[in-house]
Amino acid sequence: MKNIRIGYLSQSPEFDIDATVMEQVFKGDSDILTLVRDYEAVTADLEKAPHDQALIQSQLNLMQEMNAKNAWELESQVKMVLTTLGVHDFKAKIGTLSGGQKKRVALAQALITPCDL
């Protein structure tokens, strides 16, 4: 029972006002969210340096891990949760959202973060 992951929604969640809705939702610290962030970062770096062999190998390793953990569906799941909660502009900056919209983004983040309780 010592490896139980507990999720909760803070009454006053902290936001990065310069992050987009999707970036904010993916700021969780679960293994799968970290994996997706790492993959996105390497992919962005590869756009700047498409012939960098170390980046190419890193991306291949991350892709294998994404496959093993079925992480490819996470983005579509996040968009579905956000849409269900009434948040439709995934590229909107957090700083431009109303208080209610921010709370729904925080709720989406809590809902997609894997936990046991």
C-alpha atoms as a PDB file:
ATOM      1  CA  MET A   1       0.000   0.000   0.000  1.00  0.00           C
ATOM      2  CA  LYS A   2       2.958   2.361   0.087  1.00  0.00           C
ATOM      3  CA  ASN A   3       2.883   3.017  -3.672  1.00  0.00           C
ATOM      4  CA  ILE A   4      -0.603   4.511  -3.793  1.00  0.00           C
ATOM      5  CA  ARG A   5      -0.814   7.664  -5.906  1.00  0.00           C
ATOM      6  CA  ILE A   6      -3.265  10.256  -4.618  1.00  0.00           C
ATOM      7  CA  GLY A   7      -4.649  12.946  -6.902  1.00  0.00           C
ATOM      8  CA  TYR A   8      -6.384  16.116  -5.799  1.00  0.00           C
ATOM      9  CA  LEU A   9      -7.573  19.442  -7.124  1.00  0.00           C
ATOM     10  CA  SER A  10      -6.248  22.397  -5.160  1.00  0.00           C
ATOM     11  CA  GLN A  11      -8.701  25.155  -4.271  1.00  0.00           C
ATOM     12  CA  SER A  12      -6.131  27.670  -5.498  1.00  0.00           C
ATOM     13  CA  PRO A  13      -4.106  25.964  -8.234  1.00  0.00           C
ATOM     14  CA  GLU A  14      -0.958  27.667  -9.446  1.00  0.00           C
ATOM     15  CA  PHE A  15      -0.777  28.485 -13.141  1.00  0.00           C
ATOM     16  CA  ASP A  16       1.913  29.532 -15.562  1.00  0.00           C
ATOM     17  CA  ILE A  17       0.139  32.512 -17.148  1.00  0.00           C
ATOM     18  CA  ASP A  18       2.317  32.258 -20.268  1.00  0.00           C
ATOM     19  CA  ALA A  19       1.566  28.556 -20.851  1.00  0.00           C
ATOM     20  CA  THR A  20      -1.102  27.401 -23.264  1.00  0.00           C
ATOM     21  CA  VAL A  21      -4.024  25.336 -22.027  1.00  0.00           C
ATOM     22  CA  MET A  22      -2.383  22.129 -23.315  1.00  0.00           C
ATOM     23  CA  GLU A  23       1.006  22.998 -21.811  1.00  0.00           C
ATOM     24  CA  GLN A  24      -0.622  23.632 -18.437  1.00  0.00           C
ATOM     25  CA  VAL A  25      -2.504  20.342 -18.462  1.00  0.00           C
ATOM     26  CA  PHE A  26       0.708  18.454 -19.272  1.00  0.00           C
ATOM     27  CA  LYS A  27       2.612  20.058 -16.362  1.00  0.00           C
ATOM     28  CA  GLY A  28       1.741  17.136 -14.083  1.00  0.00           C
ATOM     29  CA  ASP A  29       4.537  15.034 -12.634  1.00  0.00           C
ATOM     30  CA  SER A  30       3.368  11.522 -13.483  1.00  0.00           C
ATOM     31  CA  ASP A  31       5.692   9.273 -15.468  1.00  0.00           C
ATOM     32  CA  ILE A  32       3.494   9.339 -18.555  1.00  0.00           C
ATOM     33  CA  LEU A  33       3.159  13.142 -18.566  1.00  0.00           C
ATOM     34  CA  THR A  34       6.918  13.480 -18.168  1.00  0.00           C
ATOM     35  CA  LEU A  35       7.403  11.066 -21.058  1.00  0.00           C
ATOM     36  CA  VAL A  36       5.082  13.061 -23.325  1.00  0.00           C
ATOM     37  CA  ARG A  37       6.812  16.347 -22.380  1.00  0.00           C
ATOM     38  CA  ASP A  38      10.237  14.807 -23.088  1.00  0.00           C
ATOM     39  CA  TYR A  39       9.072  13.524 -26.464  1.00  0.00           C
ATOM     40  CA  GLU A  40       7.594  16.924 -27.393  1.00  0.00           C
ATOM     41  CA  ALA A  41      10.807  18.706 -26.353  1.00  0.00           C
ATOM     42  CA  VAL A  42      13.036  16.399 -28.406  1.00  0.00           C
ATOM     43  CA  THR A  43      10.705  16.723 -31.388  1.00  0.00           C
ATOM     44  CA  ALA A  44      10.860  20.526 -31.144  1.00  0.00           C
ATOM     45  CA  ASP A  45      14.669  20.379 -30.915  1.00  0.00           C
ATOM     46  CA  LEU A  46      14.763  18.124 -33.991  1.00  0.00           C
ATOM     47  CA  GLU A  47      12.859  20.739 -35.982  1.00  0.00           C
ATOM     48  CA  LYS A  48      15.760  23.110 -35.322  1.00  0.00           C
ATOM     49  CA  ALA A  49      18.501  20.507 -35.906  1.00  0.00           C
ATOM     50  CA  PRO A  50      17.018  17.757 -38.114  1.00  0.00           C
ATOM     51  CA  HIS A  51      20.351  15.994 -38.707  1.00  0.00           C
ATOM     52  CA  ASP A  52      21.467  15.746 -35.084  1.00  0.00           C
ATOM     53  CA  GLN A  53      22.028  12.003 -34.588  1.00  0.00           C
ATOM     54  CA  ALA A  54      21.835  12.180 -30.795  1.00  0.00           C
ATOM     55  CA  LEU A  55      18.415  13.856 -31.008  1.00  0.00           C
ATOM     56  CA  ILE A  56      17.240  11.329 -33.600  1.00  0.00           C
ATOM     57  CA  GLN A  57      18.276   8.448 -31.342  1.00  0.00           C
ATOM     58  CA  SER A  58      16.685  10.108 -28.323  1.00  0.00           C
ATOM     59  CA  GLN A  59      13.430  10.535 -30.252  1.00  0.00           C
ATOM     60  CA  LEU A  60      13.492   6.868 -31.324  1.00  0.00           C
ATOM     61  CA  ASN A  61      14.019   5.754 -27.716  1.00  0.00           C
ATOM     62  CA  LEU A  62      11.186   7.977 -26.519  1.00  0.00           C
ATOM     63  CA  MET A  63       8.911   6.690 -29.299  1.00  0.00           C
ATOM     64  CA  GLN A  64       9.528   3.114 -28.158  1.00  0.00           C
ATOM     65  CA  GLU A  65       8.707   4.078 -24.594  1.00  0.00           C
ATOM     66  CA  MET A  66       5.579   5.938 -25.786  1.00  0.00           C
ATOM     67  CA  ASN A  67       4.515   2.769 -27.610  1.00  0.00           C
ATOM     68  CA  ALA A  68       5.176   0.583 -24.571  1.00  0.00           C
ATOM     69  CA  LYS A  69       3.127   2.860 -22.298  1.00  0.00           C
ATOM     70  CA  ASN A  70       0.344   3.605 -24.832  1.00  0.00           C
ATOM     71  CA  ALA A  71       1.066   7.308 -24.410  1.00  0.00           C
ATOM     72  CA  TRP A  72       0.047   8.278 -27.953  1.00  0.00           C
ATOM     73  CA  GLU A  73      -3.626   8.524 -27.002  1.00  0.00           C
ATOM     74  CA  LEU A  74      -3.024  10.907 -24.111  1.00  0.00           C
ATOM     75  CA  GLU A  75      -3.243  14.117 -26.154  1.00  0.00           C
ATOM     76  CA  SER A  76      -6.596  13.131 -27.659  1.00  0.00           C
ATOM     77  CA  GLN A  77      -7.835  12.138 -24.197  1.00  0.00           C
ATOM     78  CA  VAL A  78      -6.795  15.532 -22.832  1.00  0.00           C
ATOM     79  CA  LYS A  79      -8.591  17.332 -25.662  1.00  0.00           C
ATOM     80  CA  MET A  80     -11.715  15.236 -25.058  1.00  0.00           C
ATOM     81  CA  VAL A  81     -11.685  16.052 -21.323  1.00  0.00           C
ATOM     82  CA  LEU A  82     -11.119  19.763 -21.990  1.00  0.00           C
ATOM     83  CA  THR A  83     -13.924  19.851 -24.566  1.00  0.00           C
ATOM     84  CA  THR A  84     -16.278  18.049 -22.177  1.00  0.00           C
ATOM     85  CA  LEU A  85     -15.442  20.687 -19.549  1.00  0.00           C
ATOM     86  CA  GLY A  86     -16.183  23.493 -22.022  1.00  0.00           C
ATOM     87  CA  VAL A  87     -12.613  24.515 -22.856  1.00  0.00           C
ATOM     88  CA  HIS A  88     -12.249  24.570 -26.637  1.00  0.00           C
ATOM     89  CA  ASP A  89      -9.245  26.808 -27.375  1.00  0.00           C
ATOM     90  CA  PHE A  90      -6.316  24.544 -26.527  1.00  0.00           C
ATOM     91  CA  LYS A  91      -3.744  27.142 -27.617  1.00  0.00           C
ATOM     92  CA  ALA A  92      -5.138  29.962 -25.465  1.00  0.00           C
ATOM     93  CA  LYS A  93      -2.710  31.390 -22.918  1.00  0.00           C
ATOM     94  CA  ILE A  94      -3.701  30.689 -19.323  1.00  0.00           C
ATOM     95  CA  GLY A  95      -3.349  34.388 -18.516  1.00  0.00           C
ATOM     96  CA  THR A  96      -6.216  35.208 -20.902  1.00  0.00           C
ATOM     97  CA  LEU A  97      -8.707  32.779 -19.333  1.00  0.00           C
ATOM     98  CA  SER A  98     -11.436  33.604 -16.853  1.00  0.00           C
ATOM     99  CA  GLY A  99     -11.276  32.193 -13.328  1.00  0.00           C
ATOM    100  CA  GLY A 100     -13.838  29.530 -14.199  1.00  0.00           C
ATOM    101  CA  GLN A 101     -11.938  28.466 -17.298  1.00  0.00           C
ATOM    102  CA  LYS A 102      -8.724  28.219 -15.293  1.00  0.00           C
ATOM    103  CA  LYS A 103     -10.484  26.014 -12.747  1.00  0.00           C
ATOM    104  CA  ARG A 104     -11.679  23.728 -15.575  1.00  0.00           C
ATOM    105  CA  VAL A 105      -8.104  23.483 -16.906  1.00  0.00           C
ATOM    106  CA  ALA A 106      -6.953  22.520 -13.396  1.00  0.00           C
ATOM    107  CA  LEU A 107      -9.748  19.932 -13.220  1.00  0.00           C
ATOM    108  CA  ALA A 108      -8.676  18.493 -16.589  1.00  0.00           C
ATOM    109  CA  GLN A 109      -5.103  18.257 -15.306  1.00  0.00           C
ATOM    110  CA  ALA A 110      -6.300  16.386 -12.217  1.00  0.00           C
ATOM    111  CA  LEU A 111      -8.476  14.049 -14.281  1.00  0.00           C
ATOM    112  CA  ILE A 112      -5.741  13.001 -16.721  1.00  0.00           C
ATOM    113  CA  THR A 113      -3.049  12.522 -14.073  1.00  0.00           C
ATOM    114  CA  PRO A 114      -2.916   8.787 -13.277  1.00  0.00           C
ATOM    115  CA  CYS A 115      -3.745   8.102  -9.623  1.00  0.00           C
ATOM    116  CA  ASP A 116      -5.229   5.401  -7.387  1.00  0.00           C
ATOM    117  CA  LEU A 117      -7.340   7.678  -5.215  1.00  0.00           C
END
